[in-house]
Protein backbone atom coordinates (compact mmCIF):
# COMPACT_ATOMS: atom_id res chain seq x y z
CA UNK A 1 0.00 0.00 0.00
CA UNK A 2 1.42 3.36 -1.05
CA UNK A 3 1.39 6.07 1.60
CA UNK A 4 2.52 9.68 1.49
CA UNK A 5 2.35 11.45 4.85
CA UNK A 6 3.06 15.16 5.14
CA UNK A 7 4.11 16.94 8.31
CA UNK A 8 5.59 20.25 9.42
CA UNK A 9 2.77 22.63 8.67
CA UNK A 10 1.56 25.24 11.14
CA UNK A 11 0.97 28.89 11.87
CA UNK A 12 3.82 31.32 11.26
CA UNK A 13 4.18 35.08 10.97
CA UNK A 14 5.03 36.71 7.68
CA UNK A 15 8.76 36.54 7.08
CA UNK A 16 9.09 33.32 9.02
CA UNK A 17 10.10 29.83 7.93
CA UNK A 18 8.70 26.32 7.94
CA UNK A 19 10.05 22.97 6.76
CA UNK A 20 7.58 20.46 5.37
CA UNK A 21 8.31 16.75 5.15
CA UNK A 22 6.64 13.98 3.16
CA UNK A 23 7.38 10.43 4.26
CA UNK A 24 6.78 7.91 1.48
CA UNK A 25 6.28 4.16 1.69
CA UNK A 26 5.09 1.39 -0.60
CA UNK A 27 6.90 2.48 -3.77
CA UNK A 28 10.46 2.81 -5.06
CA UNK A 29 10.93 6.42 -3.97
CA UNK A 30 14.28 6.84 -5.72
CA UNK A 31 12.83 6.50 -9.23
CA UNK A 32 9.97 8.96 -8.84
CA UNK A 33 9.93 12.65 -9.58
CA UNK A 34 8.35 14.18 -6.48
CA UNK A 35 6.38 17.38 -6.22
CA UNK A 36 4.76 19.77 -3.80
CA UNK A 37 1.43 21.38 -4.63
CA UNK A 38 -0.81 23.71 -2.65
CA UNK A 39 -4.45 24.67 -2.56
CA UNK A 40 -5.84 27.80 -0.95
CA UNK A 41 -9.53 28.10 -0.02
CA UNK A 42 -11.67 28.63 -3.09
CA UNK A 43 -8.71 28.19 -5.41
CA UNK A 44 -7.50 25.39 -7.66
CA UNK A 45 -4.51 23.33 -6.63
CA UNK A 46 -1.28 24.79 -7.98
CA UNK A 47 2.24 23.58 -8.50
CA UNK A 48 4.89 24.73 -6.02
CA UNK A 49 8.09 22.75 -6.61
CA UNK A 50 9.39 19.44 -7.92
CA UNK A 51 12.57 17.42 -7.72
CA UNK A 52 13.48 14.86 -10.34
CA UNK A 53 14.79 11.39 -9.66
CA UNK A 54 17.76 12.64 -11.72
CA UNK A 55 20.28 14.27 -9.37
CA UNK A 56 20.28 18.06 -9.25
CA UNK A 57 17.17 18.69 -11.32
CA UNK A 58 14.57 20.88 -9.62
CA UNK A 59 11.63 23.00 -10.72
CA UNK A 60 9.88 25.91 -9.00
CA UNK A 61 6.82 28.05 -9.50
CA UNK A 62 7.77 31.68 -10.13
CA UNK A 63 5.93 32.71 -6.97
CA UNK A 64 8.29 30.74 -4.72
CA UNK A 65 11.62 30.96 -6.53
CA UNK A 66 14.36 32.21 -4.24
CA UNK A 67 12.27 31.56 -1.11
CA UNK A 68 11.49 27.83 -1.19
CA UNK A 69 13.89 24.91 -1.60
CA UNK A 70 12.82 21.37 -2.44
CA UNK A 71 15.02 18.41 -1.60
CA UNK A 72 14.85 14.67 -1.14
CA UNK A 73 16.58 12.01 0.91
CA UNK A 74 16.36 8.72 -0.95
CA UNK A 75 17.86 6.82 1.99
CA UNK A 76 14.96 7.99 4.17
CA UNK A 77 12.27 7.94 1.46
CA UNK A 78 11.45 11.49 2.42
CA UNK A 79 10.72 14.68 0.48
CA UNK A 80 11.26 18.13 1.98
CA UNK A 81 10.20 21.69 1.32
CA UNK A 82 12.10 24.44 3.10
CA UNK A 83 9.98 27.59 3.03
CA UNK A 84 11.61 30.91 3.94
CA UNK A 85 10.38 34.51 3.82
CA UNK A 86 6.81 33.29 4.00
CA UNK A 87 4.01 35.59 2.88
CA UNK A 88 0.29 35.57 3.73
CA UNK A 89 -0.41 34.50 0.13
CA UNK A 90 1.50 31.27 0.82
CA UNK A 91 -1.36 30.19 3.11
CA UNK A 92 -2.73 26.90 1.77
CA UNK A 93 -2.90 23.16 2.26
CA UNK A 94 0.37 21.70 0.96
CA UNK A 95 0.38 18.19 -0.50
CA UNK A 96 3.11 15.98 -1.88
CA UNK A 97 2.80 13.96 -5.07
CA UNK A 98 4.72 10.99 -6.44
CA UNK A 99 5.15 10.82 -10.18
CA UNK A 100 4.92 14.55 -10.87
CA UNK A 101 5.46 15.21 -14.57
CA UNK A 102 7.59 18.19 -15.65
CA UNK A 103 8.08 19.20 -19.27
CA UNK A 104 11.32 20.49 -20.71
CA UNK A 105 10.12 24.08 -20.30
CA UNK A 106 9.50 23.59 -16.59
CA UNK A 107 5.74 23.17 -16.54
CA UNK A 108 4.82 20.57 -13.94
CA UNK A 109 1.63 18.61 -13.31
CA UNK A 110 0.73 16.22 -10.55
CA UNK A 111 0.17 12.58 -11.36
CA UNK A 112 -3.29 11.33 -10.40
CA UNK A 113 -2.11 8.26 -8.56
CA UNK A 114 -0.23 9.12 -5.39
CA UNK A 115 -1.04 12.05 -3.12
CA UNK A 116 -0.63 12.77 0.55
CA UNK A 117 -3.47 14.04 2.72
CA UNK A 118 -1.98 17.51 3.01
CA UNK A 119 -0.69 19.76 5.77
CA UNK A 120 -2.01 23.23 6.54
CA UNK A 121 0.31 26.22 6.33
CA UNK A 122 -1.05 29.51 7.62
CA UNK A 123 0.97 32.72 7.36
CA UNK A 124 -0.29 35.67 9.38
CA UNK A 125 0.40 39.27 8.42
């Protein structure tokens, strides 16, 4: 059974930092491109960041470039998202995805198969 379990969300003031984790089990983590997506109330889910199974290849939404860093630890089957300089508009439920597809021009879409349940991030002004 495949499981993706996010943690690390919470309430933080604008300008603060949070580190999200996504623990993965039930699949060969090392061969999957992994992604983070977020959904704010009343909004569609949007891409945040992705990290390829190929070493050193990452993708970011323009809105988070320079503030967020995605990483993975294949030995621990865990995906991370370090979020710095948080803004109120970053408030959303953040979910991890296994099998994220990213095109050569950096457009990324979540695969339909494997999603975590999400973790709430709230940034106060």
